[in-house]
Amino acid sequence: MIRKLYPLLRSALFRLDAETAHGVAISALARLPHRSGRRDDARLATRVLGIDFANPLGIAAGFDKDARVPDALLALGFGFVEAGTLTPMPQAGNPKPRMFRLVQDRAVINRLGFNNDGHRSAIERLEHRVRTGRGGIVGINIGANKDSSDRIADYVAGVHAFAPHAAYLTVNISSPNTPGLRDLQGPDALDALLARVMPAREEAAGKLARALPIVVKLAPDIADDDLPAIIDRLIAHKVDAAAVANTTLARDGLKDRAAIEAGGLSGAPLYRRSTRMLARAYLLSEGRLPMIGIGGIGSGETAIGKIEAGASLLQLYTGLVFSGPRLIGEIKQSLVAWLEQTGASSLDQLRGRRAGDWASREP
């Protein structure tokens, strides 16, 4: 129903400011029945992080910050949901207005600043999911409070807090809206972070008697010369995957007047930059580090491009703002058509086949 109504709803939502419209969307999803739709074509299934995904398309962190509607999102057809970013203590985020649509560019700028209700509130919701028998793959994106005296300790706390409730955890060190956070991507700082996070993961996984995959989310603005050392650190610490990439501070070729706003840019203008970096990371890892492709996915063609650049899984968010839930089905249909056209029996056979081309492009 929501797929059919969205073209009408969009005009009403776009009369609201972007953050208010987002709140309306979350409230609407919370009221939807959690019934799954059609089963996915078996050829879309993939195994990544030791987890079996019915399809590779997920919703990126930032949409469901407080794990309020993961089941409604799964019912829309996503293969997985990533909730968050969640910090140990509740956090109001940056002053409003802090979220802006760039309609001409099919993009969004946000400077939200990890606004969320904190660990405890989300854990209560996730525990309720378990008690009511909800299934599906839900990952949790963890972050650090802005005023924390020990940001690495905040990530460790996130590992312990959400280990029992998450299919995987994403360590978000790439948001541009928390001052100094991206400094944790530097090789030495990344070593220090992972030297504490990964043992915490092992301790938590041992108590659970199951694996607990760790993903590290990177910024698309990392310099070419810095990326090899970062990928080396991720592999050395046995991180399970890299998510490439978060929002960008670049403002290349934008037309909308809202382009002057500060914050991270997502949507169509991010596609080239993030896909190029994805391909470079894939090649640098020599296939040892699975990639989650994020940034500018708004069609079947762009989803295919991410897989050809090296992505094992995909995430979108801003594309949903402009196209609505029908985009989920359209992308999956395009992936199936692509498989039939190429004669491949799975997406794994097509992954990375144009990584060299993407990696050689200009930013």
Protein backbone atom coordinates (compact mmCIF):
# COMPACT_ATOMS: atom_id res chain seq x y z
CA MET A 1 0.00 0.00 0.00
CA ILE A 2 2.68 2.51 0.98
CA ARG A 3 4.50 1.82 -2.31
CA LYS A 4 1.43 2.87 -4.29
CA LEU A 5 0.64 5.89 -2.14
CA TYR A 6 4.15 7.36 -1.93
CA PRO A 7 3.94 9.49 -5.11
CA LEU A 8 0.97 11.26 -3.50
CA LEU A 9 2.54 11.35 -0.05
CA ARG A 10 5.80 12.75 -1.35
CA SER A 11 4.29 16.11 -2.32
CA ALA A 12 2.85 16.46 1.18
CA LEU A 13 6.08 15.37 2.88
CA PHE A 14 8.17 17.74 0.77
CA ARG A 15 6.10 20.67 2.05
CA LEU A 16 7.54 19.89 5.48
CA ASP A 17 11.14 20.51 6.43
CA ALA A 18 13.29 17.43 5.90
CA GLU A 19 13.68 16.41 9.55
CA THR A 20 9.97 16.78 10.32
CA ALA A 21 9.12 14.73 7.23
CA HIS A 22 11.51 12.04 8.40
CA GLY A 23 9.74 11.91 11.76
CA VAL A 24 6.40 11.55 10.00
CA ALA A 25 7.79 8.67 7.93
CA ILE A 26 9.03 6.85 11.04
CA SER A 27 5.64 7.31 12.74
CA ALA A 28 3.85 5.96 9.65
CA LEU A 29 6.11 2.93 9.45
CA ALA A 30 5.56 2.20 13.13
CA ARG A 31 1.86 1.76 12.36
CA LEU A 32 2.34 -0.60 9.43
CA PRO A 33 1.73 -4.34 9.79
CA HIS A 34 4.94 -6.33 9.84
CA ARG A 35 3.97 -8.75 7.12
CA SER A 36 6.65 -9.82 4.71
CA GLY A 37 5.99 -9.53 1.00
CA ARG A 38 6.99 -11.94 -1.74
CA ARG A 39 9.98 -14.16 -1.31
CA ASP A 40 13.10 -12.93 -3.06
CA ASP A 41 14.49 -14.68 -6.10
CA ALA A 42 16.91 -17.31 -4.79
CA ARG A 43 19.66 -15.92 -7.04
CA LEU A 44 19.76 -12.74 -4.93
CA ALA A 45 20.78 -14.67 -1.82
CA THR A 46 24.31 -14.14 -0.56
CA ARG A 47 26.37 -15.14 2.45
CA VAL A 48 28.48 -12.36 3.95
CA LEU A 49 29.83 -11.90 7.50
CA GLY A 50 28.83 -15.50 8.12
CA ILE A 51 25.18 -14.44 7.69
CA ASP A 52 22.74 -15.59 5.03
CA PHE A 53 21.01 -12.62 3.37
CA ALA A 54 17.90 -13.25 1.25
CA ASN A 55 18.90 -10.22 -0.82
CA PRO A 56 21.84 -7.80 -0.58
CA LEU A 57 19.87 -4.56 -0.22
CA GLY A 58 19.76 -2.90 3.19
CA ILE A 59 18.81 0.45 4.62
CA ALA A 60 21.72 2.50 5.89
CA ALA A 61 22.13 3.82 9.40
CA GLY A 62 20.60 7.23 9.97
CA PHE A 63 17.09 6.35 8.89
CA ASP A 64 16.06 4.32 11.94
CA LYS A 65 18.34 5.93 14.48
CA ASP A 66 16.70 4.43 17.58
CA ALA A 67 15.67 0.99 16.26
CA ARG A 68 12.01 1.98 16.22
CA VAL A 69 10.90 0.37 12.95
CA PRO A 70 13.27 -2.41 11.82
CA ASP A 71 10.44 -4.89 11.26
CA ALA A 72 8.43 -2.49 9.11
CA LEU A 73 11.54 -1.85 6.98
CA LEU A 74 12.20 -5.57 6.59
CA ALA A 75 8.57 -6.01 5.54
CA LEU A 76 9.12 -3.45 2.76
CA GLY A 77 11.60 -5.86 1.19
CA PHE A 78 15.00 -4.95 2.57
CA GLY A 79 17.34 -7.87 3.12
CA PHE A 80 18.67 -6.26 6.29
CA VAL A 81 18.35 -3.13 8.40
CA GLU A 82 21.08 -1.15 10.13
CA ALA A 83 19.78 0.91 13.06
CA GLY A 84 21.67 3.79 14.68
CA THR A 85 23.98 5.57 15.08
CA LEU A 86 23.56 4.91 18.81
CA THR A 87 25.72 6.47 21.53
CA PRO A 88 25.95 5.38 25.18
CA MET A 89 24.11 8.41 26.52
CA PRO A 90 21.15 10.16 24.88
CA GLN A 91 22.25 13.04 22.69
CA ALA A 92 20.23 15.93 21.28
CA GLY A 93 22.54 16.52 18.34
CA ASN A 94 23.27 19.84 16.68
CA PRO A 95 20.91 22.83 16.62
CA LYS A 96 18.04 22.85 14.13
CA PRO A 97 17.61 23.27 11.21
CA ARG A 98 20.13 20.54 10.45
CA MET A 99 18.75 18.53 7.54
CA PHE A 100 18.21 19.90 4.03
CA ARG A 101 16.86 18.46 0.79
CA LEU A 102 18.62 19.39 -2.45
CA VAL A 103 15.77 18.53 -4.80
CA GLN A 104 17.57 19.64 -7.96
CA ASP A 105 20.49 17.37 -7.08
CA ARG A 106 18.49 14.46 -5.57
CA ALA A 107 20.61 14.85 -2.47
CA VAL A 108 20.40 15.63 1.24
CA ILE A 109 22.76 17.54 3.51
CA ASN A 110 22.62 16.75 7.22
CA ARG A 111 24.49 17.96 10.25
CA LEU A 112 22.40 16.03 12.77
CA GLY A 113 25.28 15.13 15.08
CA PHE A 114 24.35 11.61 16.25
CA ASN A 115 21.00 12.66 17.73
CA ASN A 116 19.58 9.55 19.43
CA ASP A 117 17.95 8.27 22.61
CA GLY A 118 21.01 6.33 23.79
CA HIS A 119 21.78 2.67 24.35
CA ARG A 120 19.19 1.85 27.00
CA SER A 121 16.15 2.95 25.02
CA ALA A 122 17.17 1.02 21.90
CA ILE A 123 18.01 -2.11 23.90
CA GLU A 124 14.49 -2.14 25.35
CA ARG A 125 13.03 -2.09 21.84
CA LEU A 126 15.37 -4.78 20.60
CA GLU A 127 14.56 -7.00 23.58
CA HIS A 128 10.88 -6.58 22.74
CA ARG A 129 11.61 -7.84 19.22
CA VAL A 130 13.07 -11.02 20.68
CA ARG A 131 10.19 -11.54 23.08
CA THR A 132 7.68 -11.20 20.24
CA GLY A 133 9.54 -13.59 17.96
CA ARG A 134 10.66 -11.11 15.30
CA GLY A 135 13.20 -12.41 12.82
CA GLY A 136 15.26 -10.79 10.12
CA ILE A 137 18.76 -9.34 10.04
CA VAL A 138 19.24 -6.20 12.12
CA GLY A 139 22.67 -4.64 12.52
CA ILE A 140 23.49 -1.85 14.95
CA ASN A 141 25.65 1.17 14.14
CA ILE A 142 27.54 2.43 17.20
CA GLY A 143 29.15 5.78 17.87
CA ALA A 144 30.66 7.99 20.55
CA ASN A 145 29.08 10.83 22.47
CA LYS A 146 30.25 14.26 21.41
CA ASP A 147 31.41 15.22 24.91
CA SER A 148 32.94 11.86 25.79
CA SER A 149 36.31 11.95 27.55
CA ASP A 150 37.16 8.52 26.07
CA ARG A 151 35.53 7.95 22.72
CA ILE A 152 37.07 4.52 22.26
CA ALA A 153 35.46 3.46 25.54
CA ASP A 154 32.10 4.50 24.07
CA TYR A 155 32.62 2.10 21.15
CA VAL A 156 33.62 -0.68 23.53
CA ALA A 157 30.45 0.02 25.53
CA GLY A 158 28.45 -0.22 22.33
CA VAL A 159 29.93 -3.63 21.54
CA HIS A 160 28.97 -5.01 24.96
CA ALA A 161 25.54 -3.35 24.98
CA PHE A 162 24.35 -4.53 21.58
CA ALA A 163 26.17 -7.83 21.13
CA PRO A 164 23.15 -9.86 22.32
CA HIS A 165 20.77 -7.99 20.02
CA ALA A 166 22.66 -7.39 16.76
CA ALA A 167 23.40 -9.60 13.79
CA TYR A 168 26.50 -7.43 13.31
CA LEU A 169 27.91 -4.14 14.60
CA THR A 170 29.15 -1.18 12.57
CA VAL A 171 31.79 1.09 14.12
CA ASN A 172 31.00 4.55 12.77
CA ILE A 173 34.14 6.69 12.76
CA SER A 174 33.25 8.57 9.59
CA SER A 175 30.49 11.04 10.39
CA PRO A 176 31.56 14.61 9.58
CA ASN A 177 29.15 16.05 12.14
CA THR A 178 30.96 15.13 15.38
CA PRO A 179 34.12 17.24 15.67
CA GLY A 180 37.28 15.15 15.59
CA LEU A 181 35.51 11.83 14.99
CA ARG A 182 37.08 11.25 11.58
CA ASP A 183 40.52 11.49 13.19
CA LEU A 184 39.93 7.90 14.34
CA GLN A 185 40.38 6.81 10.70
CA GLY A 186 44.08 7.67 10.80
CA PRO A 187 46.22 4.50 10.89
CA ASP A 188 47.63 5.02 14.40
CA ALA A 189 44.29 6.09 15.87
CA LEU A 190 42.57 3.22 14.06
CA ASP A 191 45.09 0.80 15.59
CA ALA A 192 44.32 2.16 19.05
CA LEU A 193 40.56 1.91 18.45
CA LEU A 194 40.59 -1.62 17.08
CA ALA A 195 43.05 -2.80 19.75
CA ARG A 196 40.22 -2.25 22.23
CA VAL A 197 37.13 -2.89 20.12
CA MET A 198 38.13 -6.25 18.68
CA PRO A 199 38.98 -7.89 22.05
CA ALA A 200 35.64 -6.57 23.34
CA ARG A 201 34.01 -8.27 20.37
CA GLU A 202 35.76 -11.56 21.18
CA GLU A 203 34.69 -11.35 24.80
CA ALA A 204 31.08 -10.62 23.86
CA ALA A 205 31.00 -13.32 21.18
CA GLY A 206 32.38 -15.84 23.64
CA LYS A 207 29.52 -15.19 26.04
CA LEU A 208 27.01 -15.52 23.20
CA ALA A 209 28.64 -18.63 21.74
CA ARG A 210 28.22 -17.16 18.25
CA ALA A 211 30.13 -14.91 15.91
CA LEU A 212 29.69 -11.15 16.17
CA PRO A 213 30.86 -9.51 12.93
CA ILE A 214 32.39 -6.04 13.12
CA VAL A 215 32.12 -3.59 10.22
CA VAL A 216 34.03 -0.30 10.09
CA LYS A 217 32.35 2.57 8.23
CA LEU A 218 34.69 4.89 6.34
CA ALA A 219 34.36 8.40 4.95
CA PRO A 220 34.49 8.98 1.17
CA ASP A 221 36.89 11.88 1.66
CA ILE A 222 39.91 9.78 2.66
CA ALA A 223 42.92 10.74 0.54
CA ASP A 224 44.07 8.18 -2.03
CA ASP A 225 47.49 7.89 -0.38
CA ASP A 226 45.96 7.22 3.05
CA LEU A 227 43.58 4.44 2.05
CA PRO A 228 46.13 1.56 1.71
CA ALA A 229 47.30 1.89 5.32
CA ILE A 230 43.70 2.02 6.56
CA ILE A 231 42.73 -1.13 4.66
CA ASP A 232 45.88 -2.84 5.98
CA ARG A 233 44.87 -1.99 9.56
CA LEU A 234 41.36 -3.33 9.07
CA ILE A 235 42.70 -6.61 7.73
CA ALA A 236 45.40 -6.89 10.39
CA HIS A 237 42.82 -6.52 13.15
CA LYS A 238 40.53 -9.06 11.44
CA VAL A 239 37.66 -6.65 10.91
CA ASP A 240 34.88 -8.48 9.08
CA ALA A 241 33.92 -5.83 6.49
CA ALA A 242 34.26 -2.18 5.49
CA ALA A 243 31.27 0.04 4.77
CA VAL A 244 32.14 2.49 1.98
CA ALA A 245 31.13 5.21 2.38
CA ASN A 246 29.52 7.74 4.70
CA THR A 247 28.48 11.24 3.65
CA THR A 248 30.93 13.66 2.02
CA LEU A 249 32.01 17.21 2.71
CA ALA A 250 32.60 17.77 -1.01
CA ARG A 251 30.19 19.97 -2.96
CA ASP A 252 31.15 19.16 -6.54
CA GLY A 253 28.75 20.35 -9.25
CA LEU A 254 25.69 21.00 -7.08
CA LYS A 255 22.86 23.18 -8.37
CA ASP A 256 20.44 23.54 -5.46
CA ARG A 257 20.75 26.69 -3.35
CA ALA A 258 20.80 24.56 -0.19
CA ALA A 259 24.27 23.37 -1.24
CA ILE A 260 25.76 26.14 0.92
CA GLU A 261 24.63 24.37 4.10
CA ALA A 262 27.30 22.72 6.27
CA GLY A 263 27.19 18.99 6.93
CA GLY A 264 27.51 15.68 5.16
CA LEU A 265 26.15 15.30 1.64
CA SER A 266 24.35 12.10 0.60
CA GLY A 267 22.44 11.05 -2.50
CA ALA A 268 23.14 11.08 -6.22
CA PRO A 269 26.16 13.47 -6.17
CA LEU A 270 27.98 11.07 -3.82
CA TYR A 271 27.72 8.11 -6.18
CA ARG A 272 30.88 8.57 -8.24
CA ARG A 273 33.13 9.49 -5.31
CA SER A 274 31.93 6.67 -3.06
CA THR A 275 31.95 4.01 -5.79
CA ARG A 276 35.48 4.92 -6.85
CA MET A 277 36.64 4.59 -3.24
CA LEU A 278 34.75 1.31 -2.87
CA ALA A 279 36.60 -0.12 -5.89
CA ARG A 280 39.97 1.04 -4.58
CA ALA A 281 39.29 -0.49 -1.16
CA TYR A 282 38.15 -3.75 -2.78
CA LEU A 283 41.30 -4.00 -4.88
CA LEU A 284 43.57 -3.06 -1.99
CA SER A 285 42.05 -5.79 0.14
CA GLU A 286 42.49 -8.35 -2.64
CA GLY A 287 39.08 -9.72 -1.79
CA ARG A 288 39.99 -10.43 1.85
CA LEU A 289 37.67 -7.75 3.22
CA PRO A 290 34.00 -7.76 2.16
CA MET A 291 32.60 -4.36 1.17
CA ILE A 292 29.23 -2.78 1.90
CA GLY A 293 28.56 -0.29 -0.90
CA ILE A 294 26.82 2.93 0.17
CA GLY A 295 26.34 6.30 -1.46
CA GLY A 296 24.07 7.46 -4.26
CA ILE A 297 22.13 4.26 -4.91
CA GLY A 298 18.90 5.41 -6.52
CA SER A 299 18.24 2.90 -9.29
CA GLY A 300 18.97 -0.62 -10.43
CA GLU A 301 21.82 0.70 -12.56
CA THR A 302 23.56 2.37 -9.63
CA ALA A 303 23.12 -0.76 -7.48
CA ILE A 304 24.71 -2.86 -10.23
CA GLY A 305 27.57 -0.37 -10.43
CA LYS A 306 28.34 -0.87 -6.75
CA ILE A 307 28.48 -4.64 -7.14
CA GLU A 308 30.71 -4.34 -10.20
CA ALA A 309 32.99 -2.10 -8.13
CA GLY A 310 33.29 -4.76 -5.43
CA ALA A 311 30.31 -4.56 -3.07
CA SER A 312 28.99 -7.71 -1.42
CA LEU A 313 26.11 -5.87 0.23
CA LEU A 314 24.36 -2.57 -0.57
CA GLN A 315 22.78 0.14 1.56
CA LEU A 316 20.63 3.11 0.59
CA TYR A 317 18.77 5.90 2.35
CA THR A 318 18.56 9.13 0.37
CA GLY A 319 17.28 7.34 -2.73
CA LEU A 320 14.31 6.28 -0.65
CA VAL A 321 13.54 9.92 0.15
CA PHE A 322 13.11 10.80 -3.52
CA SER A 323 11.71 7.57 -4.95
CA GLY A 324 9.89 5.96 -2.03
CA PRO A 325 9.61 2.26 -1.14
CA ARG A 326 8.98 1.18 -4.74
CA LEU A 327 12.72 1.67 -5.26
CA ILE A 328 13.42 -1.46 -3.21
CA GLY A 329 11.51 -3.74 -5.56
CA GLU A 330 12.79 -1.97 -8.64
CA ILE A 331 16.40 -2.52 -7.62
CA LYS A 332 15.83 -6.20 -6.87
CA GLN A 333 14.08 -6.65 -10.22
CA SER A 334 17.01 -4.99 -11.97
CA LEU A 335 19.46 -7.29 -10.22
CA VAL A 336 17.49 -10.36 -11.32
CA ALA A 337 17.33 -9.06 -14.90
CA TRP A 338 21.09 -8.45 -14.80
CA LEU A 339 21.70 -12.02 -13.66
CA GLU A 340 19.57 -13.34 -16.50
CA GLN A 341 21.29 -11.11 -19.04
CA THR A 342 24.77 -12.18 -17.96
CA GLY A 343 23.89 -15.82 -17.39
CA ALA A 344 25.27 -15.67 -13.83
CA SER A 345 23.65 -17.82 -11.17
CA SER A 346 24.50 -15.45 -8.31
CA LEU A 347 25.65 -11.91 -7.69
CA ASP A 348 28.90 -13.26 -6.25
CA GLN A 349 29.98 -14.19 -9.79
CA LEU A 350 29.69 -10.57 -10.93
CA ARG A 351 31.24 -8.81 -7.95
CA GLY A 352 34.23 -6.62 -8.71
CA ARG A 353 34.31 -7.26 -12.44
CA ARG A 354 34.72 -3.54 -13.17
CA ALA A 355 36.64 -2.60 -10.02
CA GLY A 356 39.73 -1.68 -12.02
CA ASP A 357 37.76 0.70 -14.21
CA TRP A 358 36.08 2.37 -11.24
CA ALA A 359 39.33 2.66 -9.27
CA SER A 360 41.07 4.44 -12.15
CA ARG A 361 38.45 7.17 -12.50
CA GLU A 362 38.98 10.71 -11.33
CA PRO A 363 37.29 11.58 -7.98
